[in-house]
């Protein structure tokens, strides 16, 4: 059941995005003195007095966009107004009523929808008194607030709830989100086009202008009865090339989106080689151990020049440490293979959530040590006593040893490759934590290491044995998917 929608509208620079962030309780929309920062519809769910509603931030009415996207911004504003059950008409106490406020007021009068006139920036009692001059627009009540000074929030939320449509008999919390996808990549690789294809609607602005998307936009959509959220992020540039604060905030929101996501879709333009920016983004995905898919967009322009196998080999050479990441080839503009990528993302999320028993893990680990023992460091021989999976999403494996410093990066990579091959995590990141045996349970430090213990002897886990989950059916062994 769709939630009621509350849309925030008004002229530029009245503090709509600040108000949105304040009511949501998170820094979602970019706030900057520059007029016209917000272009897309930014939405989030708010709960108040047992009611849930979707709060939507919009661009400024009457803005002349610096990149000639005025018509696109206006379409997004109108879509938010059309969908809204309640409208927050935001004005500015510091400037008082202006001609453009009258334009907004006139536009809203004919809608027949509940409109709350919100006077923002009432940072002091004197400014709050100035809110009375907005009564002549004819909207009641006039609510003075200050998003910056945190004044008037309870009163505003109470008035919003009063004007929401009556609750349906079976109304409850919003449906659980099945999967949170972060769509990242450099500029103009087709991220917004992909989002619109998933949502089957013009949910975010698509333009040839580099840097069209500035905020990270959560787009909720339903597929096969399940709710998904795709996060459209700003196209990333090299840090040294960031032109202003807006691009700086956009970059940090893209990084936060990666941290939030269940699966990250790393977009590439098939017509261009991998760039330094691509590598920086990929490094951030690796640092956060996120399941990922390499998505090669605009494949229709390249498919007659190079095969999917050749392009997959190219990515494997660029990212030799990520040869387990699936590769998908799509044409987002035509919607080709878009939903196959969504299916693959669900598969990876499920894979990352699996657990293996301590006994199974230690059998795999013992065989790995027998096949390729770690090299002696000076007078010390590296030893592994136990291993256990302590968490999922990402799968986190802890090894208790006689010294983490005895295991170099090459051997760590060897163990990760073995785990990926032998355990049900062939295509997702595995977090490997090598600790000293003093972190083991009391008394375990005197027990023999895996190689010294007779084969078949029951392992005594260093931590409580995690609950075993069936492996399920894994994807066929393949490093590249020609979707």
Protein backbone atom coordinates (compact mmCIF):
# COMPACT_ATOMS: atom_id res chain seq x y z
CA UNK A 1 0.00 0.00 0.00
CA UNK A 2 1.53 3.35 -1.02
CA UNK A 3 2.30 5.78 1.78
CA UNK A 4 0.83 9.30 1.93
CA UNK A 5 3.16 11.85 0.30
CA UNK A 6 4.10 15.22 1.79
CA UNK A 7 5.88 17.51 -0.69
CA UNK A 8 8.08 20.48 0.23
CA UNK A 9 7.85 23.30 -2.33
CA UNK A 10 8.83 26.96 -2.53
CA UNK A 11 11.08 29.40 -4.30
CA UNK A 12 14.89 28.95 -4.21
CA UNK A 13 16.92 29.56 -1.04
CA UNK A 14 14.13 29.43 1.53
CA UNK A 15 15.71 26.41 3.26
CA UNK A 16 13.64 23.55 1.82
CA UNK A 17 16.51 21.07 1.94
CA UNK A 18 17.45 22.11 5.48
CA UNK A 19 13.84 21.62 6.52
CA UNK A 20 13.75 18.21 4.80
CA UNK A 21 16.93 17.00 6.54
CA UNK A 22 15.67 18.29 9.88
CA UNK A 23 12.30 16.53 9.67
CA UNK A 24 13.89 13.29 8.44
CA UNK A 25 16.66 13.42 11.02
CA UNK A 26 19.44 12.73 8.52
CA UNK A 27 21.66 14.80 6.25
CA UNK A 28 20.27 13.60 2.94
CA UNK A 29 19.73 16.64 0.72
CA UNK A 30 22.73 18.85 0.02
CA UNK A 31 22.41 22.22 1.75
CA UNK A 32 24.36 25.07 0.16
CA UNK A 33 23.85 28.85 -0.23
CA UNK A 34 23.98 28.39 -4.01
CA UNK A 35 20.50 28.64 -5.50
CA UNK A 36 19.26 25.62 -7.43
CA UNK A 37 21.35 22.92 -5.76
CA UNK A 38 18.41 20.49 -5.53
CA UNK A 39 17.26 19.22 -8.92
CA UNK A 40 15.74 15.79 -8.41
CA UNK A 41 13.01 14.73 -6.03
CA UNK A 42 14.61 13.56 -2.78
CA UNK A 43 12.40 11.34 -0.62
CA UNK A 44 12.53 9.64 2.75
CA UNK A 45 10.02 8.02 5.10
CA UNK A 46 9.00 9.78 8.32
CA UNK A 47 7.05 8.34 11.25
CA UNK A 48 5.03 10.63 13.52
CA UNK A 49 2.30 9.75 16.01
CA UNK A 50 2.01 6.24 14.59
CA UNK A 51 1.55 7.46 11.01
CA UNK A 52 4.09 6.94 8.23
CA UNK A 53 4.45 9.25 5.25
CA UNK A 54 6.90 9.89 2.45
CA UNK A 55 8.51 13.35 2.67
CA UNK A 56 9.74 14.75 -0.65
CA UNK A 57 12.17 17.62 -1.20
CA UNK A 58 12.05 19.50 -4.52
CA UNK A 59 13.97 22.11 -6.47
CA UNK A 60 13.20 25.80 -6.21
CA UNK A 61 10.19 27.03 -8.19
CA UNK A 62 11.27 29.75 -10.61
CA UNK A 63 14.96 28.83 -10.64
CA UNK A 64 16.92 29.39 -13.84
CA UNK A 65 19.25 26.41 -13.86
CA UNK A 66 22.88 27.15 -14.68
CA UNK A 67 23.09 24.04 -16.90
CA UNK A 68 19.86 24.74 -18.79
CA UNK A 69 17.96 22.03 -16.90
CA UNK A 70 15.13 24.34 -15.82
CA UNK A 71 12.43 22.36 -17.64
CA UNK A 72 13.69 19.07 -16.16
CA UNK A 73 13.68 20.49 -12.64
CA UNK A 74 10.16 21.88 -13.19
CA UNK A 75 8.89 18.46 -14.29
CA UNK A 76 10.24 16.94 -11.09
CA UNK A 77 8.54 19.65 -9.00
CA UNK A 78 5.23 19.13 -10.78
CA UNK A 79 5.45 15.36 -10.33
CA UNK A 80 5.95 15.86 -6.58
CA UNK A 81 2.98 18.24 -6.41
CA UNK A 82 0.76 15.86 -8.39
CA UNK A 83 1.59 12.94 -6.08
CA UNK A 84 1.35 14.92 -2.83
CA UNK A 85 -1.44 14.46 -0.29
CA UNK A 86 -0.16 17.42 1.75
CA UNK A 87 2.03 20.32 0.57
CA UNK A 88 4.44 22.34 2.69
CA UNK A 89 4.73 25.81 1.15
CA UNK A 90 8.05 27.07 2.54
CA UNK A 91 8.93 30.78 2.79
CA UNK A 92 11.71 32.84 4.38
CA UNK A 93 11.17 35.03 7.46
CA UNK A 94 14.39 36.97 6.86
CA UNK A 95 13.43 38.26 3.43
CA UNK A 96 9.68 38.51 4.04
CA UNK A 97 7.12 37.87 1.28
CA UNK A 98 8.54 38.21 -2.23
CA UNK A 99 7.00 38.29 -5.68
CA UNK A 100 8.04 34.71 -6.40
CA UNK A 101 6.32 33.58 -3.19
CA UNK A 102 3.09 35.00 -4.63
CA UNK A 103 3.68 32.99 -7.82
CA UNK A 104 4.01 29.81 -5.74
CA UNK A 105 0.95 30.68 -3.64
CA UNK A 106 -1.16 31.25 -6.74
CA UNK A 107 0.00 27.98 -8.28
CA UNK A 108 -1.02 26.01 -5.17
CA UNK A 109 -4.45 27.63 -4.65
CA UNK A 110 -6.12 25.73 -7.50
CA UNK A 111 -5.00 22.27 -6.38
CA UNK A 112 -7.63 21.57 -3.77
CA UNK A 113 -5.02 19.91 -1.56
CA UNK A 114 -4.10 20.70 2.07
CA UNK A 115 -1.34 23.34 2.09
CA UNK A 116 0.66 24.31 5.18
CA UNK A 117 2.45 27.65 4.95
CA UNK A 118 5.79 27.17 6.70
CA UNK A 119 7.85 30.28 7.49
CA UNK A 120 11.44 29.06 7.85
CA UNK A 121 14.47 30.84 9.37
CA UNK A 122 12.51 32.14 12.36
CA UNK A 123 15.71 31.86 14.37
CA UNK A 124 14.65 34.41 17.02
CA UNK A 125 11.39 35.45 18.66
CA UNK A 126 11.41 38.70 16.68
CA UNK A 127 11.69 36.81 13.39
CA UNK A 128 8.90 34.48 14.50
CA UNK A 129 6.66 37.54 14.92
CA UNK A 130 7.48 38.53 11.33
CA UNK A 131 5.74 35.34 10.16
CA UNK A 132 2.40 37.14 10.54
CA UNK A 133 3.06 39.11 7.33
CA UNK A 134 2.63 35.86 5.33
CA UNK A 135 -1.06 35.59 6.33
CA UNK A 136 -2.09 37.60 3.29
CA UNK A 137 -1.38 34.59 1.06
CA UNK A 138 -4.57 33.12 2.51
CA UNK A 139 -3.22 29.87 3.95
CA UNK A 140 -3.94 28.76 7.50
CA UNK A 141 -2.20 28.06 9.73
CA UNK A 142 1.08 29.93 9.23
CA UNK A 143 3.74 27.91 11.08
CA UNK A 144 7.01 29.63 12.11
CA UNK A 145 9.97 27.24 12.28
CA UNK A 146 13.74 27.29 12.20
CA UNK A 147 15.49 24.27 10.73
CA UNK A 148 18.83 25.78 11.75
CA UNK A 149 17.87 26.53 15.36
CA UNK A 150 15.55 23.49 15.71
CA UNK A 151 12.45 25.51 16.53
CA UNK A 152 8.84 24.48 15.82
CA UNK A 153 9.37 20.89 14.66
CA UNK A 154 6.74 19.28 16.89
CA UNK A 155 4.09 21.82 15.92
CA UNK A 156 4.79 21.34 12.23
CA UNK A 157 4.68 17.53 12.40
CA UNK A 158 1.43 17.65 14.37
CA UNK A 159 -0.19 19.83 11.69
CA UNK A 160 1.08 17.51 8.94
CA UNK A 161 -0.42 14.43 10.62
CA UNK A 162 -3.78 16.22 11.02
CA UNK A 163 -3.95 16.71 7.25
CA UNK A 164 -2.88 13.25 6.13
CA UNK A 165 -5.59 11.10 4.51
CA UNK A 166 -7.46 8.93 7.02
CA UNK A 167 -5.56 5.71 7.70
CA UNK A 168 -6.67 2.61 5.84
CA UNK A 169 -7.94 -0.25 8.03
CA UNK A 170 -4.84 -2.34 7.31
CA UNK A 171 -2.35 0.57 7.27
CA UNK A 172 0.91 -0.15 9.04
CA UNK A 173 4.64 0.38 8.72
CA UNK A 174 6.09 0.50 5.19
CA UNK A 175 6.97 -2.80 3.60
CA UNK A 176 10.42 -4.15 4.34
CA UNK A 177 13.02 -3.24 1.73
CA UNK A 178 14.30 -6.39 0.07
CA UNK A 179 17.53 -4.89 -1.23
CA UNK A 180 19.39 -1.58 -1.12
CA UNK A 181 21.43 -0.93 -4.27
CA UNK A 182 24.02 1.81 -4.67
CA UNK A 183 24.62 2.89 -8.27
CA UNK A 184 28.06 4.49 -8.54
CA UNK A 185 30.48 5.54 -11.25
CA UNK A 186 31.98 8.57 -12.89
CA UNK A 187 29.99 11.16 -14.76
CA UNK A 188 27.78 10.35 -17.74
CA UNK A 189 27.94 6.56 -17.52
CA UNK A 190 24.15 6.22 -17.47
CA UNK A 191 23.39 5.74 -13.76
CA UNK A 192 20.24 7.88 -13.78
CA UNK A 193 18.97 6.24 -16.97
CA UNK A 194 19.41 2.85 -15.28
CA UNK A 195 17.48 4.04 -12.20
CA UNK A 196 14.58 5.25 -14.35
CA UNK A 197 14.53 1.92 -16.18
CA UNK A 198 14.29 0.07 -12.86
CA UNK A 199 11.55 2.37 -11.55
CA UNK A 200 9.73 2.40 -14.91
CA UNK A 201 9.30 6.17 -14.47
CA UNK A 202 11.18 9.46 -14.92
CA UNK A 203 12.27 9.43 -11.31
CA UNK A 204 15.55 11.31 -11.72
CA UNK A 205 16.74 13.81 -14.31
CA UNK A 206 18.67 12.38 -17.27
CA UNK A 207 20.83 14.77 -19.26
CA UNK A 208 24.02 14.84 -21.31
CA UNK A 209 25.23 17.64 -18.99
CA UNK A 210 28.00 16.25 -16.77
CA UNK A 211 27.15 16.42 -13.07
CA UNK A 212 23.37 16.56 -13.52
CA UNK A 213 22.79 14.48 -10.36
CA UNK A 214 24.09 16.18 -7.23
CA UNK A 215 22.34 14.48 -4.32
CA UNK A 216 22.18 10.79 -3.60
CA UNK A 217 18.58 9.99 -4.46
CA UNK A 218 16.78 7.01 -2.89
CA UNK A 219 14.31 5.63 -5.42
CA UNK A 220 11.83 3.07 -4.09
CA UNK A 221 10.25 0.69 -6.58
CA UNK A 222 8.41 -2.62 -6.52
CA UNK A 223 9.28 -5.71 -8.52
CA UNK A 224 7.62 -9.12 -8.22
CA UNK A 225 5.85 -7.99 -5.05
CA UNK A 226 9.13 -6.94 -3.37
CA UNK A 227 10.27 -3.44 -2.44
CA UNK A 228 13.71 -2.27 -3.55
CA UNK A 229 15.62 0.95 -3.07
CA UNK A 230 18.12 2.08 -5.71
CA UNK A 231 20.40 4.96 -4.74
CA UNK A 232 21.30 7.21 -7.64
CA UNK A 233 24.59 8.93 -6.80
CA UNK A 234 26.39 11.90 -8.27
CA UNK A 235 28.99 11.18 -10.92
CA UNK A 236 32.39 11.26 -9.24
CA UNK A 237 35.41 13.28 -10.33
CA UNK A 238 38.99 13.20 -9.12
CA UNK A 239 39.27 14.84 -5.71
CA UNK A 240 41.73 17.37 -7.11
CA UNK A 241 39.15 18.37 -9.74
CA UNK A 242 36.24 19.05 -7.38
CA UNK A 243 35.08 22.50 -8.42
CA UNK A 244 33.07 23.55 -5.36
CA UNK A 245 31.41 22.52 -2.12
CA UNK A 246 28.47 20.98 -3.98
CA UNK A 247 30.73 18.47 -5.76
CA UNK A 248 32.55 17.80 -2.47
CA UNK A 249 29.28 16.96 -0.70
CA UNK A 250 28.16 14.89 -3.70
CA UNK A 251 31.32 12.77 -3.45
CA UNK A 252 30.85 12.14 0.25
CA UNK A 253 27.20 11.19 -0.24
CA UNK A 254 28.25 8.72 -2.93
CA UNK A 255 30.70 7.16 -0.46
CA UNK A 256 28.01 7.04 2.22
CA UNK A 257 25.69 5.32 -0.26
CA UNK A 258 28.30 2.60 -0.76
CA UNK A 259 28.47 2.08 3.00
CA UNK A 260 24.66 1.86 3.25
CA UNK A 261 24.16 -0.53 0.34
CA UNK A 262 23.63 -4.27 0.35
CA UNK A 263 25.09 -4.50 -3.16
CA UNK A 264 27.03 -1.91 -5.18
CA UNK A 265 26.66 -1.59 -8.94
CA UNK A 266 29.89 -0.12 -10.27
CA UNK A 267 29.09 1.45 -13.65
CA UNK A 268 31.46 1.72 -16.59
CA UNK A 269 30.97 3.35 -19.97
CA UNK A 270 31.90 0.71 -22.52
CA UNK A 271 33.15 3.42 -24.89
CA UNK A 272 35.81 4.68 -22.46
CA UNK A 273 38.75 3.01 -20.70
CA UNK A 274 38.82 2.56 -16.93
CA UNK A 275 39.89 5.82 -15.28
CA UNK A 276 41.58 6.81 -12.04
CA UNK A 277 38.17 7.79 -10.67
CA UNK A 278 36.87 4.28 -11.39
CA UNK A 279 39.79 2.83 -9.46
CA UNK A 280 39.23 5.18 -6.51
CA UNK A 281 35.58 4.17 -6.30
CA UNK A 282 36.44 0.50 -6.57
CA UNK A 283 39.00 0.84 -3.78
CA UNK A 284 36.28 2.29 -1.57
CA UNK A 285 33.99 -0.64 -2.38
CA UNK A 286 36.81 -3.05 -1.46
CA UNK A 287 37.56 -1.20 1.79
CA UNK A 288 33.95 -1.67 2.84
CA UNK A 289 33.79 -5.33 1.72
CA UNK A 290 30.65 -4.80 -0.34
CA UNK A 291 29.25 -7.32 -2.83
CA UNK A 292 29.58 -5.69 -6.23
CA UNK A 293 28.70 -6.06 -9.89
CA UNK A 294 30.70 -4.43 -12.68
CA UNK A 295 28.01 -3.01 -14.98
CA UNK A 296 29.19 -2.07 -18.48
CA UNK A 297 26.59 0.32 -19.91
CA UNK A 298 26.01 1.52 -23.49
CA UNK A 299 27.02 -1.92 -24.75
CA UNK A 300 24.95 -1.44 -27.90
CA UNK A 301 27.57 1.08 -29.08
CA UNK A 302 30.46 -1.33 -28.57
CA UNK A 303 29.20 -4.86 -29.10
CA UNK A 304 30.24 -4.96 -32.77
CA UNK A 305 33.79 -3.89 -31.92
CA UNK A 306 34.68 -6.11 -28.97
CA UNK A 307 33.24 -9.24 -27.38
CA UNK A 308 31.99 -9.53 -23.81
CA UNK A 309 34.80 -12.01 -23.12
CA UNK A 310 37.45 -9.55 -24.30
CA UNK A 311 36.02 -6.70 -22.24
CA UNK A 312 35.76 -9.02 -19.22
CA UNK A 313 39.43 -9.96 -19.63
CA UNK A 314 40.28 -6.25 -19.82
CA UNK A 315 38.53 -5.59 -16.49
CA UNK A 316 40.25 -8.61 -14.95
CA UNK A 317 43.64 -7.16 -15.91
CA UNK A 318 42.75 -3.76 -14.48
CA UNK A 319 41.33 -5.28 -11.29
CA UNK A 320 43.23 -8.54 -10.73
CA UNK A 321 42.17 -8.61 -7.07
CA UNK A 322 38.49 -8.49 -8.08
CA UNK A 323 38.32 -11.30 -10.61
CA UNK A 324 35.46 -12.79 -8.55
CA UNK A 325 33.17 -9.81 -9.26
CA UNK A 326 30.48 -10.63 -11.88
CA UNK A 327 30.37 -8.48 -15.01
CA UNK A 328 27.07 -7.50 -16.66
CA UNK A 329 26.58 -5.81 -20.03
CA UNK A 330 23.52 -3.61 -20.42
CA UNK A 331 21.94 -0.86 -22.47
CA UNK A 332 20.06 1.16 -19.84
CA UNK A 333 18.53 3.54 -22.38
CA UNK A 334 16.64 0.64 -23.97
CA UNK A 335 16.15 -1.21 -20.68
CA UNK A 336 18.14 -4.19 -22.02
CA UNK A 337 19.24 -6.61 -19.25
CA UNK A 338 18.34 -4.08 -16.52
CA UNK A 339 16.21 -6.49 -14.49
CA UNK A 340 18.68 -9.33 -14.98
CA UNK A 341 21.18 -7.16 -13.11
CA UNK A 342 18.63 -6.76 -10.32
CA UNK A 343 18.22 -10.55 -10.14
CA UNK A 344 21.98 -10.98 -9.98
CA UNK A 345 22.22 -8.40 -7.19
CA UNK A 346 19.64 -10.37 -5.17
CA UNK A 347 21.72 -13.50 -5.69
CA UNK A 348 24.87 -11.77 -4.37
CA UNK A 349 23.07 -10.37 -1.34
CA UNK A 350 21.82 -13.85 -0.47
CA UNK A 351 25.30 -15.28 -0.96
CA UNK A 352 26.83 -12.66 1.37
CA UNK A 353 24.29 -13.53 4.09
CA UNK A 354 25.22 -17.25 4.25
CA UNK A 355 27.09 -18.86 7.15
CA UNK A 356 29.27 -21.95 7.27
CA UNK A 357 29.88 -24.19 10.25
CA UNK A 358 33.14 -24.02 12.15
CA UNK A 359 33.91 -27.68 11.37
CA UNK A 360 33.49 -27.21 7.64
CA UNK A 361 35.55 -24.03 7.66
CA UNK A 362 38.42 -25.69 9.54
CA UNK A 363 38.46 -28.68 7.18
CA UNK A 364 38.84 -26.27 4.25
CA UNK A 365 41.50 -24.33 6.15
CA UNK A 366 43.46 -27.47 7.06
CA UNK A 367 43.51 -28.60 3.42
CA UNK A 368 44.69 -25.16 2.34
CA UNK A 369 47.56 -25.29 4.85
CA UNK A 370 48.56 -28.79 3.70
CA UNK A 371 48.51 -27.79 0.03
CA UNK A 372 50.46 -24.57 0.57
CA UNK A 373 51.91 -24.02 4.06
CA UNK A 374 52.88 -20.46 5.03
CA UNK A 375 56.56 -19.60 4.70
CA UNK A 376 58.72 -19.46 7.83
CA UNK A 377 59.57 -15.91 8.96
CA UNK A 378 63.09 -15.91 10.36
CA UNK A 379 63.05 -18.37 13.26
CA UNK A 380 59.25 -18.39 13.55
CA UNK A 381 56.90 -20.76 11.80
CA UNK A 382 53.39 -19.33 11.15
CA UNK A 383 50.66 -21.44 12.76
CA UNK A 384 46.87 -21.29 12.55
CA UNK A 385 44.96 -22.79 15.48
CA UNK A 386 41.32 -22.28 14.55
CA UNK A 387 39.08 -20.43 12.17
CA UNK A 388 35.44 -19.42 12.50
CA UNK A 389 32.90 -17.31 10.66
CA UNK A 390 31.78 -14.64 13.10
CA UNK A 391 29.45 -12.55 10.92
CA UNK A 392 27.74 -12.35 7.56
CA UNK A 393 27.08 -9.53 5.08
CA UNK A 394 30.01 -9.43 4.62
CA UNK A 395 31.10 -12.99 5.48
CA UNK A 396 33.70 -12.40 8.19
CA UNK A 397 36.22 -15.12 8.99
CA UNK A 398 38.52 -14.91 12.00
CA UNK A 399 41.73 -16.98 12.16
CA UNK A 400 43.56 -17.40 15.46
CA UNK A 401 47.32 -17.67 14.94
CA UNK A 402 50.67 -17.35 16.69
CA UNK A 403 51.09 -13.88 15.14
CA UNK A 404 49.18 -11.93 12.45
CA UNK A 405 52.45 -10.35 11.30
CA UNK A 406 53.64 -13.77 10.12
CA UNK A 407 51.05 -13.88 7.33
CA UNK A 408 51.84 -11.55 4.44
CA UNK A 409 49.40 -10.18 1.87
CA UNK A 410 50.25 -12.89 -0.63
CA UNK A 411 49.26 -15.64 1.79
CA UNK A 412 46.14 -13.79 2.86
CA UNK A 413 45.08 -13.59 -0.79
CA UNK A 414 45.78 -17.29 -1.16
CA UNK A 415 43.49 -18.10 1.78
CA UNK A 416 40.76 -15.80 0.45
CA UNK A 417 40.90 -17.52 -2.93
CA UNK A 418 40.60 -20.93 -1.26
CA UNK A 419 37.64 -19.78 0.84
CA UNK A 420 35.97 -18.32 -2.22
CA UNK A 421 36.50 -21.55 -4.15
CA UNK A 422 35.55 -24.01 -1.42
CA UNK A 423 32.91 -22.12 0.57
CA UNK A 424 29.58 -20.70 -0.66
CA UNK A 425 31.04 -17.22 -1.24
CA UNK A 426 32.40 -17.44 -4.81
CA UNK A 427 31.41 -13.93 -5.96
CA UNK A 428 31.33 -11.73 -2.86
CA UNK A 429 33.89 -9.98 -0.70
CA UNK A 430 35.14 -11.94 2.33
CA UNK A 431 36.50 -10.08 5.32
CA UNK A 432 39.49 -11.94 6.73
CA UNK A 433 40.61 -11.08 10.27
CA UNK A 434 43.83 -12.74 11.44
CA UNK A 435 44.33 -12.47 15.21
CA UNK A 436 46.82 -13.61 17.83
CA UNK A 437 46.00 -16.75 19.82
CA UNK A 438 45.87 -14.73 23.03
CA UNK A 439 42.44 -13.59 21.79
CA UNK A 440 41.21 -17.21 21.86
CA UNK A 441 39.09 -18.61 24.63
CA UNK A 442 40.79 -19.46 27.89
CA UNK A 443 42.88 -22.62 27.65
CA UNK A 444 42.77 -22.88 23.87
CA UNK A 445 46.21 -21.32 23.38
CA UNK A 446 47.88 -24.57 24.50
CA UNK A 447 46.02 -26.69 21.95
CA UNK A 448 47.81 -27.83 18.77
CA UNK A 449 47.53 -25.91 15.53
CA UNK A 450 45.52 -27.29 12.61
CA UNK A 451 48.48 -29.02 10.96
CA UNK A 452 49.64 -30.67 14.22
CA UNK A 453 46.16 -31.92 15.14
CA UNK A 454 45.39 -35.46 13.87
CA UNK A 455 43.08 -35.44 10.89
CA UNK A 456 39.47 -35.97 11.87
CA UNK A 457 39.93 -34.75 15.45
CA UNK A 458 36.95 -32.57 16.40
CA UNK A 459 37.82 -28.89 16.50
CA UNK A 460 37.07 -26.92 19.63
CA UNK A 461 35.82 -23.60 18.39
CA UNK A 462 37.46 -20.47 19.74
CA UNK A 463 34.08 -18.73 19.72
CA UNK A 464 30.49 -20.01 19.86
CA UNK A 465 29.71 -22.03 16.77
CA UNK A 466 27.48 -19.99 14.43
CA UNK A 467 24.18 -21.43 13.33
CA UNK A 468 24.58 -23.33 10.09
CA UNK A 469 22.58 -22.13 7.11
CA UNK A 470 21.96 -24.28 4.02
CA UNK A 471 24.17 -23.29 1.15
CA UNK A 472 21.39 -22.97 -1.32
CA UNK A 473 21.95 -23.13 -5.04
CA UNK A 474 24.95 -21.15 -6.19
CA UNK A 475 25.43 -19.52 -9.55
CA UNK A 476 27.40 -21.65 -12.06
CA UNK A 477 31.14 -21.09 -11.88
CA UNK A 478 31.71 -18.20 -14.23
CA UNK A 479 33.67 -15.00 -13.78
CA UNK A 480 31.72 -13.12 -16.39
CA UNK A 481 28.07 -13.05 -17.16
CA UNK A 482 27.03 -12.17 -20.66
CA UNK A 483 23.55 -11.02 -19.80
